[in-house]
Amino acid sequence: MKAPDNLVQPFQVESMAAQGRLVRLGSALNEILSAHNYPDSVARLLGEFIVLGAILSGTLKREGVLTIQAYGEEAIRLLVVDLTHDGNIRGYARFDEAQIEKLSGQGISKKTPEIPDFFGSGRLVVNLVYGDSARPYQGIVPLEGCILAECAETYFKQSVQSEAKFMVAVGRVGGAWRGGGLMLQHLETRGYQVQSGENDLDNTAESWKRAKIMMRSVTEKELLSLEVHPHDLLYRLFNEDGVRVFPFESLQMNCRCSKDRVEQVLNSFPDAELEKMIVDDKILVHCEFCNHEYQFRLDQIDCISQ
């Protein structure tokens, strides 16, 4: 029996030292990366970014949208992952094709691309917008680290003010893209009252250290596996202290674009802007997420036809 796929599995180490999330992405990730003809190095970077976004989606506690963007100034100009509270996920990349080819020619096409090579200096932007009237949240930190997982750790340290460790793997399995990731977050013990049978809080520092060591023993094959059940993997890693799992959250690639929504946006544009978009008496709109193209006759756009 194959293990469940396209999910976020929350868990907690029973020593009370750490909590975390395990992510497995199969068809959802493959659909996103296959929608564009990305070079492998770009697809792998975007895949890693999407896995990290899925891990961070636990911040969506109610109806809303989490958007994470990584801006660069070199070969990679922009990575975007967009997630909704009900598990819809999408993403895309903007890049300089000539610079990507140059890096490949120099032999810089590592399995785990490095931030300085592909981004130069850059920034990570996290936007959290809720469906109600709650004030949106935005966090901005520099892209600091050699790999995207280290950049996520910097974000946690500076914006969430919590120590966290990330491990991410992306690759082709049977010709299709797959991704997996693991996050371990240090639990704050201030104000916590020890319950009967639980670890003494004096031991949490040692438990946190032990949890990080066990986390680093996870292999890329295990993160990408279709056969190893997430529960079995978490048990292998953290059985020394015990691990508790919670209901998993399902993910699916689902772009929120639609012809009606695009038409509403076009009708909000001034005439001068719309006229610049006319090609052969039509307006063409291309969705960067799903690569779908929408065509509109001029008589379909109210502000032009009036």
C-alpha atoms as a PDB file:
ATOM      1  CA  MET A   1       0.000   0.000   0.000  1.00  0.00           C
ATOM      2  CA  LYS A   2       1.358   3.411  -0.959  1.00  0.00           C
ATOM      3  CA  ALA A   3       1.792   6.021   1.721  1.00  0.00           C
ATOM      4  CA  PRO A   4      -0.569   9.053   1.679  1.00  0.00           C
ATOM      5  CA  ASP A   5       0.702  11.862  -0.529  1.00  0.00           C
ATOM      6  CA  ASN A   6       0.289  15.626  -1.030  1.00  0.00           C
ATOM      7  CA  LEU A   7       0.005  16.386   2.661  1.00  0.00           C
ATOM      8  CA  VAL A   8       1.295  18.317   5.643  1.00  0.00           C
ATOM      9  CA  GLN A   9       1.667  16.111   8.739  1.00  0.00           C
ATOM     10  CA  PRO A  10       1.929  18.091  12.023  1.00  0.00           C
ATOM     11  CA  PHE A  11       3.638  16.373  14.938  1.00  0.00           C
ATOM     12  CA  GLN A  12       5.083  16.989  18.383  1.00  0.00           C
ATOM     13  CA  VAL A  13       8.016  15.353  20.090  1.00  0.00           C
ATOM     14  CA  GLU A  14       6.798  14.021  23.428  1.00  0.00           C
ATOM     15  CA  SER A  15       9.775  15.455  25.331  1.00  0.00           C
ATOM     16  CA  MET A  16       8.021  18.836  24.830  1.00  0.00           C
ATOM     17  CA  ALA A  17      11.247  20.132  23.249  1.00  0.00           C
ATOM     18  CA  ALA A  18       9.959  20.460  19.687  1.00  0.00           C
ATOM     19  CA  GLN A  19       7.043  20.416  17.324  1.00  0.00           C
ATOM     20  CA  GLY A  20       7.147  20.250  13.568  1.00  0.00           C
ATOM     21  CA  ARG A  21       5.652  19.411  10.188  1.00  0.00           C
ATOM     22  CA  LEU A  22       6.453  16.766   7.617  1.00  0.00           C
ATOM     23  CA  VAL A  23       5.526  17.527   3.991  1.00  0.00           C
ATOM     24  CA  ARG A  24       5.113  15.114   1.085  1.00  0.00           C
ATOM     25  CA  LEU A  25       4.289  16.478  -2.380  1.00  0.00           C
ATOM     26  CA  GLY A  26       3.815  14.299  -5.447  1.00  0.00           C
ATOM     27  CA  SER A  27       1.254  15.010  -8.150  1.00  0.00           C
ATOM     28  CA  ALA A  28       0.588  18.523  -6.804  1.00  0.00           C
ATOM     29  CA  LEU A  29       4.242  19.513  -7.185  1.00  0.00           C
ATOM     30  CA  ASN A  30       4.665  17.757 -10.530  1.00  0.00           C
ATOM     31  CA  GLU A  31       1.651  19.603 -11.943  1.00  0.00           C
ATOM     32  CA  ILE A  32       3.056  22.976 -10.887  1.00  0.00           C
ATOM     33  CA  LEU A  33       6.575  22.362 -12.201  1.00  0.00           C
ATOM     34  CA  SER A  34       5.378  20.717 -15.430  1.00  0.00           C
ATOM     35  CA  ALA A  35       3.144  23.662 -16.376  1.00  0.00           C
ATOM     36  CA  HIS A  36       6.249  25.559 -17.556  1.00  0.00           C
ATOM     37  CA  ASN A  37       9.348  24.463 -19.418  1.00  0.00           C
ATOM     38  CA  TYR A  38      11.691  25.312 -16.557  1.00  0.00           C
ATOM     39  CA  PRO A  39      15.387  24.372 -16.660  1.00  0.00           C
ATOM     40  CA  ASP A  40      16.036  21.643 -14.106  1.00  0.00           C
ATOM     41  CA  SER A  41      17.946  23.966 -11.761  1.00  0.00           C
ATOM     42  CA  VAL A  42      15.029  26.454 -11.742  1.00  0.00           C
ATOM     43  CA  ALA A  43      12.424  23.708 -11.327  1.00  0.00           C
ATOM     44  CA  ARG A  44      14.342  22.253  -8.392  1.00  0.00           C
ATOM     45  CA  LEU A  45      14.661  25.630  -6.689  1.00  0.00           C
ATOM     46  CA  LEU A  46      10.969  26.381  -7.198  1.00  0.00           C
ATOM     47  CA  GLY A  47      10.132  22.896  -5.938  1.00  0.00           C
ATOM     48  CA  GLU A  48      12.144  23.487  -2.762  1.00  0.00           C
ATOM     49  CA  PHE A  49      10.409  26.823  -2.285  1.00  0.00           C
ATOM     50  CA  ILE A  50       6.968  25.229  -2.698  1.00  0.00           C
ATOM     51  CA  VAL A  51       7.838  22.557  -0.110  1.00  0.00           C
ATOM     52  CA  LEU A  52       8.927  25.276   2.329  1.00  0.00           C
ATOM     53  CA  GLY A  53       5.688  27.136   1.643  1.00  0.00           C
ATOM     54  CA  ALA A  54       3.699  24.002   2.423  1.00  0.00           C
ATOM     55  CA  ILE A  55       5.583  23.641   5.705  1.00  0.00           C
ATOM     56  CA  LEU A  56       4.818  27.260   6.633  1.00  0.00           C
ATOM     57  CA  SER A  57       1.137  26.892   5.688  1.00  0.00           C
ATOM     58  CA  GLY A  58       0.457  25.908   9.292  1.00  0.00           C
ATOM     59  CA  THR A  59       0.333  29.642  10.026  1.00  0.00           C
ATOM     60  CA  LEU A  60      -3.082  29.716   8.280  1.00  0.00           C
ATOM     61  CA  LYS A  61      -5.376  29.148  11.252  1.00  0.00           C
ATOM     62  CA  ARG A  62      -8.522  30.378   9.500  1.00  0.00           C
ATOM     63  CA  GLU A  63      -9.746  31.410   6.039  1.00  0.00           C
ATOM     64  CA  GLY A  64      -6.999  33.238   4.223  1.00  0.00           C
ATOM     65  CA  VAL A  65      -4.088  33.178   1.769  1.00  0.00           C
ATOM     66  CA  LEU A  66      -0.384  32.793   2.504  1.00  0.00           C
ATOM     67  CA  THR A  67       1.957  34.135  -0.194  1.00  0.00           C
ATOM     68  CA  ILE A  68       5.728  33.745   0.046  1.00  0.00           C
ATOM     69  CA  GLN A  69       8.096  35.432  -2.403  1.00  0.00           C
ATOM     70  CA  ALA A  70      11.862  35.223  -2.840  1.00  0.00           C
ATOM     71  CA  TYR A  71      13.336  38.104  -4.846  1.00  0.00           C
ATOM     72  CA  GLY A  72      16.759  37.845  -6.465  1.00  0.00           C
ATOM     73  CA  GLU A  73      19.017  40.060  -8.554  1.00  0.00           C
ATOM     74  CA  GLU A  74      20.891  37.457 -10.589  1.00  0.00           C
ATOM     75  CA  ALA A  75      19.709  34.386 -12.525  1.00  0.00           C
ATOM     76  CA  ILE A  76      16.582  33.962 -10.372  1.00  0.00           C
ATOM     77  CA  ARG A  77      14.462  37.101 -10.198  1.00  0.00           C
ATOM     78  CA  LEU A  78      11.409  35.773  -8.352  1.00  0.00           C
ATOM     79  CA  LEU A  79      10.017  32.619  -6.769  1.00  0.00           C
ATOM     80  CA  VAL A  80       6.396  32.631  -5.587  1.00  0.00           C
ATOM     81  CA  VAL A  81       4.315  30.096  -3.697  1.00  0.00           C
ATOM     82  CA  ASP A  82       0.681  30.805  -2.853  1.00  0.00           C
ATOM     83  CA  LEU A  83      -1.433  28.686  -0.471  1.00  0.00           C
ATOM     84  CA  THR A  84      -5.006  28.909   0.783  1.00  0.00           C
ATOM     85  CA  HIS A  85      -6.468  27.727   4.076  1.00  0.00           C
ATOM     86  CA  ASP A  86      -8.211  24.820   2.322  1.00  0.00           C
ATOM     87  CA  GLY A  87      -5.045  23.347   0.824  1.00  0.00           C
ATOM     88  CA  ASN A  88      -4.870  24.889  -2.655  1.00  0.00           C
ATOM     89  CA  ILE A  89      -1.261  25.474  -3.678  1.00  0.00           C
ATOM     90  CA  ARG A  90       0.372  27.060  -6.725  1.00  0.00           C
ATOM     91  CA  GLY A  91       3.699  28.651  -7.630  1.00  0.00           C
ATOM     92  CA  TYR A  92       5.904  30.009 -10.412  1.00  0.00           C
ATOM     93  CA  ALA A  93       9.393  31.327 -11.128  1.00  0.00           C
ATOM     94  CA  ARG A  94      10.826  34.239 -13.097  1.00  0.00           C
ATOM     95  CA  PHE A  95      14.419  33.912 -14.221  1.00  0.00           C
ATOM     96  CA  ASP A  96      17.006  35.135 -16.684  1.00  0.00           C
ATOM     97  CA  GLU A  97      17.459  32.295 -19.163  1.00  0.00           C
ATOM     98  CA  ALA A  98      20.859  33.535 -20.378  1.00  0.00           C
ATOM     99  CA  GLN A  99      22.230  33.672 -16.835  1.00  0.00           C
ATOM    100  CA  ILE A 100      20.880  30.196 -16.052  1.00  0.00           C
ATOM    101  CA  GLU A 101      22.646  28.829 -19.139  1.00  0.00           C
ATOM    102  CA  LYS A 102      25.835  30.629 -18.124  1.00  0.00           C
ATOM    103  CA  LEU A 103      25.738  29.078 -14.653  1.00  0.00           C
ATOM    104  CA  SER A 104      25.151  25.641 -16.165  1.00  0.00           C
ATOM    105  CA  GLY A 105      28.113  26.191 -18.492  1.00  0.00           C
ATOM    106  CA  GLN A 106      30.259  26.960 -15.468  1.00  0.00           C
ATOM    107  CA  GLY A 107      29.197  23.721 -13.857  1.00  0.00           C
ATOM    108  CA  ILE A 108      26.964  25.452 -11.304  1.00  0.00           C
ATOM    109  CA  SER A 109      23.930  23.205 -11.567  1.00  0.00           C
ATOM    110  CA  LYS A 110      24.140  21.495  -8.200  1.00  0.00           C
ATOM    111  CA  LYS A 111      21.426  19.238  -6.921  1.00  0.00           C
ATOM    112  CA  THR A 112      20.829  21.766  -4.180  1.00  0.00           C
ATOM    113  CA  PRO A 113      21.463  25.187  -5.795  1.00  0.00           C
ATOM    114  CA  GLU A 114      23.148  27.811  -3.654  1.00  0.00           C
ATOM    115  CA  ILE A 115      21.568  31.210  -2.998  1.00  0.00           C
ATOM    116  CA  PRO A 116      24.624  33.364  -3.855  1.00  0.00           C
ATOM    117  CA  ASP A 117      24.992  31.704  -7.273  1.00  0.00           C
ATOM    118  CA  PHE A 118      21.375  31.999  -8.378  1.00  0.00           C
ATOM    119  CA  PHE A 119      19.993  34.972  -6.411  1.00  0.00           C
ATOM    120  CA  GLY A 120      22.887  37.204  -5.439  1.00  0.00           C
ATOM    121  CA  SER A 121      21.513  39.452  -2.732  1.00  0.00           C
ATOM    122  CA  GLY A 122      17.771  39.246  -2.266  1.00  0.00           C
ATOM    123  CA  ARG A 123      14.912  39.219   0.190  1.00  0.00           C
ATOM    124  CA  LEU A 124      12.222  36.869   1.449  1.00  0.00           C
ATOM    125  CA  VAL A 125       8.710  38.310   1.785  1.00  0.00           C
ATOM    126  CA  VAL A 126       5.892  36.537   3.652  1.00  0.00           C
ATOM    127  CA  ASN A 127       2.331  37.893   3.304  1.00  0.00           C
ATOM    128  CA  LEU A 128      -0.601  36.518   5.273  1.00  0.00           C
ATOM    129  CA  VAL A 129      -4.032  37.862   4.327  1.00  0.00           C
ATOM    130  CA  TYR A 130      -7.182  36.659   6.089  1.00  0.00           C
ATOM    131  CA  GLY A 131     -10.639  36.579   4.547  1.00  0.00           C
ATOM    132  CA  ASP A 132     -12.126  38.587   7.405  1.00  0.00           C
ATOM    133  CA  SER A 133     -11.282  42.135   8.412  1.00  0.00           C
ATOM    134  CA  ALA A 134      -8.144  41.154  10.316  1.00  0.00           C
ATOM    135  CA  ARG A 135      -5.086  43.214   9.548  1.00  0.00           C
ATOM    136  CA  PRO A 136      -2.780  41.447   7.055  1.00  0.00           C
ATOM    137  CA  TYR A 137       0.682  40.374   8.190  1.00  0.00           C
ATOM    138  CA  GLN A 138       3.899  40.962   6.247  1.00  0.00           C
ATOM    139  CA  GLY A 139       7.399  39.829   7.166  1.00  0.00           C
ATOM    140  CA  ILE A 140      10.519  40.768   5.181  1.00  0.00           C
ATOM    141  CA  VAL A 141      13.993  39.359   5.803  1.00  0.00           C
ATOM    142  CA  PRO A 142      17.173  39.155   3.709  1.00  0.00           C
ATOM    143  CA  LEU A 143      17.874  35.968   1.770  1.00  0.00           C
ATOM    144  CA  GLU A 144      20.627  34.860   4.132  1.00  0.00           C
ATOM    145  CA  GLY A 145      22.025  31.378   3.737  1.00  0.00           C
ATOM    146  CA  CYS A 146      23.517  29.062   1.160  1.00  0.00           C
ATOM    147  CA  ILE A 147      20.275  27.190   0.502  1.00  0.00           C
ATOM    148  CA  LEU A 148      16.577  28.039   0.753  1.00  0.00           C
ATOM    149  CA  ALA A 149      16.138  25.948   3.911  1.00  0.00           C
ATOM    150  CA  GLU A 150      18.679  28.156   5.679  1.00  0.00           C
ATOM    151  CA  CYS A 151      16.810  31.253   4.479  1.00  0.00           C
ATOM    152  CA  ALA A 152      13.649  29.867   6.089  1.00  0.00           C
ATOM    153  CA  GLU A 153      15.568  29.408   9.336  1.00  0.00           C
ATOM    154  CA  THR A 154      16.647  33.063   9.161  1.00  0.00           C
ATOM    155  CA  TYR A 155      12.999  34.094   8.675  1.00  0.00           C
ATOM    156  CA  PHE A 156      11.939  32.131  11.769  1.00  0.00           C
ATOM    157  CA  LYS A 157      14.732  33.596  13.851  1.00  0.00           C
ATOM    158  CA  GLN A 158      14.086  37.215  12.841  1.00  0.00           C
ATOM    159  CA  SER A 159      10.312  37.352  12.292  1.00  0.00           C
ATOM    160  CA  VAL A 160       8.867  34.511  14.361  1.00  0.00           C
ATOM    161  CA  GLN A 161      11.626  34.835  16.990  1.00  0.00           C
ATOM    162  CA  SER A 162      11.866  31.085  17.289  1.00  0.00           C
ATOM    163  CA  GLU A 163      14.593  28.589  16.444  1.00  0.00           C
ATOM    164  CA  ALA A 164      13.648  26.160  13.699  1.00  0.00           C
ATOM    165  CA  LYS A 165      15.468  23.717  11.452  1.00  0.00           C
ATOM    166  CA  PHE A 166      14.432  22.723   7.931  1.00  0.00           C
ATOM    167  CA  MET A 167      15.371  19.879   5.607  1.00  0.00           C
ATOM    168  CA  VAL A 168      14.078  19.794   2.020  1.00  0.00           C
ATOM    169  CA  ALA A 169      14.482  17.368  -0.878  1.00  0.00           C
ATOM    170  CA  VAL A 170      13.207  17.710  -4.468  1.00  0.00           C
ATOM    171  CA  GLY A 171      13.875  15.359  -7.356  1.00  0.00           C
ATOM    172  CA  ARG A 172      12.410  13.186 -10.080  1.00  0.00           C
ATOM    173  CA  VAL A 173      11.035   9.800  -9.087  1.00  0.00           C
ATOM    174  CA  GLY A 174       9.889   7.650 -11.987  1.00  0.00           C
ATOM    175  CA  GLY A 175      10.149  10.691 -14.281  1.00  0.00           C
ATOM    176  CA  ALA A 176       7.823  12.864 -12.159  1.00  0.00           C
ATOM    177  CA  TRP A 177       8.796  15.628  -9.744  1.00  0.00           C
ATOM    178  CA  ARG A 178       8.431  14.928  -6.043  1.00  0.00           C
ATOM    179  CA  GLY A 179       9.244  16.963  -2.967  1.00  0.00           C
ATOM    180  CA  GLY A 180       9.529  16.362   0.737  1.00  0.00           C
ATOM    181  CA  GLY A 181      10.412  18.467   3.728  1.00  0.00           C
ATOM    182  CA  LEU A 182      10.767  18.390   7.481  1.00  0.00           C
ATOM    183  CA  MET A 183      10.617  21.270   9.953  1.00  0.00           C
ATOM    184  CA  LEU A 184      11.522  21.072  13.622  1.00  0.00           C
ATOM    185  CA  GLN A 185      10.640  24.089  15.792  1.00  0.00           C
ATOM    186  CA  HIS A 186      11.918  24.613  19.316  1.00  0.00           C
ATOM    187  CA  LEU A 187       9.000  24.821  21.750  1.00  0.00           C
ATOM    188  CA  GLU A 188       8.871  27.717  24.194  1.00  0.00           C
ATOM    189  CA  THR A 189       8.662  26.332  27.730  1.00  0.00           C
ATOM    190  CA  ARG A 190       8.227  29.627  29.587  1.00  0.00           C
ATOM    191  CA  GLY A 191       5.150  29.414  31.792  1.00  0.00           C
ATOM    192  CA  TYR A 192       4.572  25.729  31.056  1.00  0.00           C
ATOM    193  CA  GLN A 193       3.615  23.498  33.992  1.00  0.00           C
ATOM    194  CA  VAL A 194       5.020  19.977  33.845  1.00  0.00           C
ATOM    195  CA  GLN A 195       2.311  17.300  33.899  1.00  0.00           C
ATOM    196  CA  SER A 196       2.590  13.896  35.511  1.00  0.00           C
ATOM    197  CA  GLY A 197       4.815  11.581  33.493  1.00  0.00           C
ATOM    198  CA  GLU A 198       6.365  14.357  31.376  1.00  0.00           C
ATOM    199  CA  ASN A 199      10.020  15.270  31.040  1.00  0.00           C
ATOM    200  CA  ASP A 200      11.467  17.771  33.498  1.00  0.00           C
ATOM    201  CA  LEU A 201      11.912  21.147  31.813  1.00  0.00           C
ATOM    202  CA  ASP A 202      15.579  21.142  32.806  1.00  0.00           C
ATOM    203  CA  ASN A 203      16.069  18.356  30.258  1.00  0.00           C
ATOM    204  CA  THR A 204      14.468  20.207  27.320  1.00  0.00           C
ATOM    205  CA  ALA A 205      17.762  21.698  26.089  1.00  0.00           C
ATOM    206  CA  GLU A 206      19.259  18.235  25.820  1.00  0.00           C
ATOM    207  CA  SER A 207      16.032  16.924  24.245  1.00  0.00           C
ATOM    208  CA  TRP A 208      16.082  19.713  21.648  1.00  0.00           C
ATOM    209  CA  LYS A 209      19.696  18.926  20.813  1.00  0.00           C
ATOM    210  CA  ARG A 210      18.848  15.225  20.475  1.00  0.00           C
ATOM    211  CA  ALA A 211      15.809  15.964  18.272  1.00  0.00           C
ATOM    212  CA  LYS A 212      17.973  18.028  15.886  1.00  0.00           C
ATOM    213  CA  ILE A 213      20.524  15.218  15.641  1.00  0.00           C
ATOM    214  CA  MET A 214      17.815  12.681  14.841  1.00  0.00           C
ATOM    215  CA  MET A 215      16.228  15.030  12.309  1.00  0.00           C
ATOM    216  CA  ARG A 216      19.527  15.265  10.421  1.00  0.00           C
ATOM    217  CA  SER A 217      19.528  11.481   9.996  1.00  0.00           C
ATOM    218  CA  VAL A 218      16.602  11.655   7.559  1.00  0.00           C
ATOM    219  CA  THR A 219      17.595  10.823   3.984  1.00  0.00           C
ATOM    220  CA  GLU A 220      16.460  12.333   0.692  1.00  0.00           C
ATOM    221  CA  LYS A 221      15.068   8.938  -0.283  1.00  0.00           C
ATOM    222  CA  GLU A 222      12.896   8.867   2.846  1.00  0.00           C
ATOM    223  CA  LEU A 223      11.590  12.405   2.274  1.00  0.00           C
ATOM    224  CA  LEU A 224      10.632  11.585  -1.327  1.00  0.00           C
ATOM    225  CA  SER A 225       9.427   8.037  -0.719  1.00  0.00           C
ATOM    226  CA  LEU A 226       6.059   6.787  -1.911  1.00  0.00           C
ATOM    227  CA  GLU A 227       6.428   3.688   0.244  1.00  0.00           C
ATOM    228  CA  VAL A 228       7.500   4.951   3.688  1.00  0.00           C
ATOM    229  CA  HIS A 229       4.438   6.125   5.615  1.00  0.00           C
ATOM    230  CA  PRO A 230       4.898   9.570   7.259  1.00  0.00           C
ATOM    231  CA  HIS A 231       4.065   8.053  10.651  1.00  0.00           C
ATOM    232  CA  ASP A 232       6.704   5.353  10.224  1.00  0.00           C
ATOM    233  CA  LEU A 233       9.304   7.944   9.270  1.00  0.00           C
ATOM    234  CA  LEU A 234       8.507  10.155  12.266  1.00  0.00           C
ATOM    235  CA  TYR A 235       8.628   7.150  14.571  1.00  0.00           C
ATOM    236  CA  ARG A 236      12.047   6.147  13.221  1.00  0.00           C
ATOM    237  CA  LEU A 237      13.372   9.650  13.824  1.00  0.00           C
ATOM    238  CA  PHE A 238      11.905  10.466  17.232  1.00  0.00           C
ATOM    239  CA  ASN A 239      10.910   7.208  18.939  1.00  0.00           C
ATOM    240  CA  GLU A 240      13.557   7.692  21.634  1.00  0.00           C
ATOM    241  CA  ASP A 241      11.501  10.522  23.151  1.00  0.00           C
ATOM    242  CA  GLY A 242       8.197   9.546  21.576  1.00  0.00           C
ATOM    243  CA  VAL A 243       6.263  11.441  18.925  1.00  0.00           C
ATOM    244  CA  ARG A 244       2.602  12.422  18.678  1.00  0.00           C
ATOM    245  CA  VAL A 245       0.940  13.058  15.305  1.00  0.00           C
ATOM    246  CA  PHE A 246      -2.116  15.190  14.578  1.00  0.00           C
ATOM    247  CA  PRO A 247      -4.606  15.059  11.661  1.00  0.00           C
ATOM    248  CA  PHE A 248      -2.807  15.768   8.402  1.00  0.00           C
ATOM    249  CA  GLU A 249      -3.778  18.519   5.975  1.00  0.00           C
ATOM    250  CA  SER A 250      -4.256  17.644   2.292  1.00  0.00           C
ATOM    251  CA  LEU A 251      -2.773  19.758  -0.501  1.00  0.00           C
ATOM    252  CA  GLN A 252      -3.688  20.041  -4.172  1.00  0.00           C
ATOM    253  CA  MET A 253      -2.564  22.173  -7.091  1.00  0.00           C
ATOM    254  CA  ASN A 254      -5.479  24.480  -7.840  1.00  0.00           C
ATOM    255  CA  CYS A 255      -5.006  27.843  -9.525  1.00  0.00           C
ATOM    256  CA  ARG A 256      -7.547  30.466  -8.505  1.00  0.00           C
ATOM    257  CA  CYS A 257      -7.594  32.177 -11.898  1.00  0.00           C
ATOM    258  CA  SER A 258     -10.775  32.064 -13.999  1.00  0.00           C
ATOM    259  CA  LYS A 259     -12.111  33.879 -17.043  1.00  0.00           C
ATOM    260  CA  ASP A 260     -14.698  35.748 -14.949  1.00  0.00           C
ATOM    261  CA  ARG A 261     -12.075  36.883 -12.449  1.00  0.00           C
ATOM    262  CA  VAL A 262      -9.686  38.040 -15.196  1.00  0.00           C
ATOM    263  CA  GLU A 263     -12.531  39.898 -16.912  1.00  0.00           C
ATOM    264  CA  GLN A 264     -13.366  41.719 -13.673  1.00  0.00           C
ATOM    265  CA  VAL A 265      -9.736  42.791 -13.346  1.00  0.00           C
ATOM    266  CA  LEU A 266      -9.613  44.014 -16.948  1.00  0.00           C
ATOM    267  CA  ASN A 267     -12.761  46.060 -16.443  1.00  0.00           C
ATOM    268  CA  SER A 268     -11.012  47.865 -13.583  1.00  0.00           C
ATOM    269  CA  PHE A 269      -8.136  49.017 -15.839  1.00  0.00           C
ATOM    270  CA  PRO A 270      -8.139  52.475 -17.461  1.00  0.00           C
ATOM    271  CA  ASP A 271      -8.697  52.566 -21.231  1.00  0.00           C
ATOM    272  CA  ALA A 272      -5.122  53.656 -21.915  1.00  0.00           C
ATOM    273  CA  GLU A 273      -3.748  50.538 -20.223  1.00  0.00           C
ATOM    274  CA  LEU A 274      -6.163  48.218 -21.999  1.00  0.00           C
ATOM    275  CA  GLU A 275      -5.312  49.658 -25.400  1.00  0.00           C
ATOM    276  CA  LYS A 276      -1.673  48.682 -24.860  1.00  0.00           C
ATOM    277  CA  MET A 277      -2.791  45.068 -24.383  1.00  0.00           C
ATOM    278  CA  ILE A 278      -4.705  44.764 -27.664  1.00  0.00           C
ATOM    279  CA  VAL A 279      -3.232  42.298 -30.170  1.00  0.00           C
ATOM    280  CA  ASP A 280      -5.145  41.546 -33.407  1.00  0.00           C
ATOM    281  CA  ASP A 281      -8.353  43.009 -31.967  1.00  0.00           C
ATOM    282  CA  LYS A 282      -8.086  40.820 -28.887  1.00  0.00           C
ATOM    283  CA  ILE A 283      -6.772  41.116 -25.382  1.00  0.00           C
ATOM    284  CA  LEU A 284      -4.639  38.179 -24.243  1.00  0.00           C
ATOM    285  CA  VAL A 285      -4.017  37.527 -20.542  1.00  0.00           C
ATOM    286  CA  HIS A 286      -1.564  34.880 -19.422  1.00  0.00           C
ATOM    287  CA  CYS A 287      -1.651  33.336 -15.927  1.00  0.00           C
ATOM    288  CA  GLU A 288       1.895  32.937 -14.667  1.00  0.00           C
ATOM    289  CA  PHE A 289       0.859  30.270 -12.176  1.00  0.00           C
ATOM    290  CA  CYS A 290      -0.912  27.684 -14.337  1.00  0.00           C
ATOM    291  CA  ASN A 291       0.284  28.954 -17.765  1.00  0.00           C
ATOM    292  CA  HIS A 292      -3.308  29.252 -19.024  1.00  0.00           C
ATOM    293  CA  GLU A 293      -4.062  31.952 -21.590  1.00  0.00           C
ATOM    294  CA  TYR A 294      -7.355  33.850 -21.655  1.00  0.00           C
ATOM    295  CA  GLN A 295      -8.597  35.618 -24.791  1.00  0.00           C
ATOM    296  CA  PHE A 296     -11.130  38.433 -24.787  1.00  0.00           C
ATOM    297  CA  ARG A 297     -12.800  40.146 -27.725  1.00  0.00           C
ATOM    298  CA  LEU A 298     -12.988  43.899 -27.366  1.00  0.00           C
ATOM    299  CA  ASP A 299     -16.781  43.798 -27.074  1.00  0.00           C
ATOM    300  CA  GLN A 300     -16.388  41.566 -23.975  1.00  0.00           C
ATOM    301  CA  ILE A 301     -14.609  44.344 -22.054  1.00  0.00           C
ATOM    302  CA  ASP A 302     -17.182  46.839 -20.815  1.00  0.00           C
ATOM    303  CA  CYS A 303     -14.990  49.902 -20.553  1.00  0.00           C
ATOM    304  CA  ILE A 304     -13.758  49.467 -24.137  1.00  0.00           C
ATOM    305  CA  SER A 305     -17.084  48.586 -25.745  1.00  0.00           C
ATOM    306  CA  GLN A 306     -18.947  51.499 -24.157  1.00  0.00           C
END
